[in-house]
Protein backbone atom coordinates (compact mmCIF):
# COMPACT_ATOMS: atom_id res chain seq x y z
CA MET A 1 22.54 -25.63 -48.46
CA HIS A 2 24.67 -27.42 -50.99
CA GLY A 3 27.92 -28.68 -49.50
CA SER A 4 27.32 -27.46 -45.98
CA SER A 5 27.60 -30.82 -44.29
CA PRO A 6 30.13 -32.75 -42.26
CA ALA A 7 30.59 -35.14 -45.21
CA ALA A 8 31.46 -32.33 -47.61
CA TRP A 9 33.79 -30.55 -45.19
CA THR A 10 35.62 -33.77 -44.32
CA ALA A 11 36.02 -34.72 -47.99
CA VAL A 12 37.39 -31.29 -48.87
CA LEU A 13 39.84 -31.27 -45.96
CA ILE A 14 41.13 -34.75 -46.85
CA ALA A 15 41.49 -33.71 -50.50
CA LEU A 16 43.43 -30.60 -49.47
CA VAL A 17 45.79 -32.72 -47.35
CA GLY A 18 46.38 -35.06 -50.30
CA ILE A 19 46.96 -32.22 -52.77
CA THR A 20 49.31 -30.45 -50.35
CA LEU A 21 51.22 -33.66 -49.71
CA GLY A 22 51.55 -34.33 -53.43
CA GLY A 23 52.69 -30.77 -54.10
CA ILE A 24 55.28 -30.82 -51.33
CA ALA A 25 56.57 -34.13 -52.69
CA LEU A 26 57.56 -32.41 -55.93
CA ILE A 27 59.72 -29.72 -54.27
CA PRO A 28 62.74 -29.40 -54.78
CA THR A 29 63.26 -32.80 -56.39
CA PRO A 30 60.40 -35.21 -57.04
CA ASN A 31 59.73 -37.83 -54.39
CA TRP A 32 57.41 -40.03 -56.43
CA THR A 33 56.42 -42.31 -53.56
CA LEU A 34 55.17 -39.39 -51.47
CA PHE A 35 53.51 -37.87 -54.57
CA TRP A 36 51.50 -41.03 -55.24
CA ILE A 37 50.53 -41.26 -51.58
CA GLY A 38 49.14 -37.75 -51.96
CA VAL A 39 47.20 -38.82 -55.05
CA VAL A 40 45.72 -41.81 -53.21
CA VAL A 41 44.75 -39.64 -50.24
CA SER A 42 43.06 -37.16 -52.59
CA PHE A 43 41.01 -39.87 -54.27
CA ALA A 44 40.20 -41.43 -50.90
CA SER A 45 38.40 -38.19 -50.04
CA LEU A 46 35.76 -39.11 -52.63
CA VAL A 47 35.12 -42.42 -50.92
CA VAL A 48 35.04 -40.87 -47.45
CA GLY A 49 32.61 -38.19 -48.60
CA LYS A 50 30.27 -40.74 -50.19
CA VAL A 51 30.37 -43.07 -47.18
CA MET A 52 29.70 -40.23 -44.75
CA SER A 53 26.89 -38.93 -46.94
CA ALA A 54 25.33 -42.38 -47.11
CA ALA A 55 25.60 -42.59 -43.33
CA GLY A 56 23.37 -39.55 -43.05
CA MET A 57 26.00 -36.86 -42.59
CA GLY A 58 25.49 -35.30 -46.02
CA ALA A 59 23.36 -32.36 -47.07
CA SER A 60 19.62 -32.99 -46.93
CA GLU A 61 17.64 -33.33 -50.16
CA HIS A 62 15.01 -30.86 -48.97
CA HIS A 63 15.37 -27.33 -50.30
């Protein structure tokens, strides 16, 4: 099934942590350093997902 793999779940969880961190950084007054850390963490989830998928932890190509 599409997305049902350790690589996909890990990438989504890391992205959620980054988005949450970035959102919390904007409340009540913006903390731009923490916001940008959240942005970097969110984009790092793409790299982690690709690396894990390339390492064989992604969804199989067979349907």
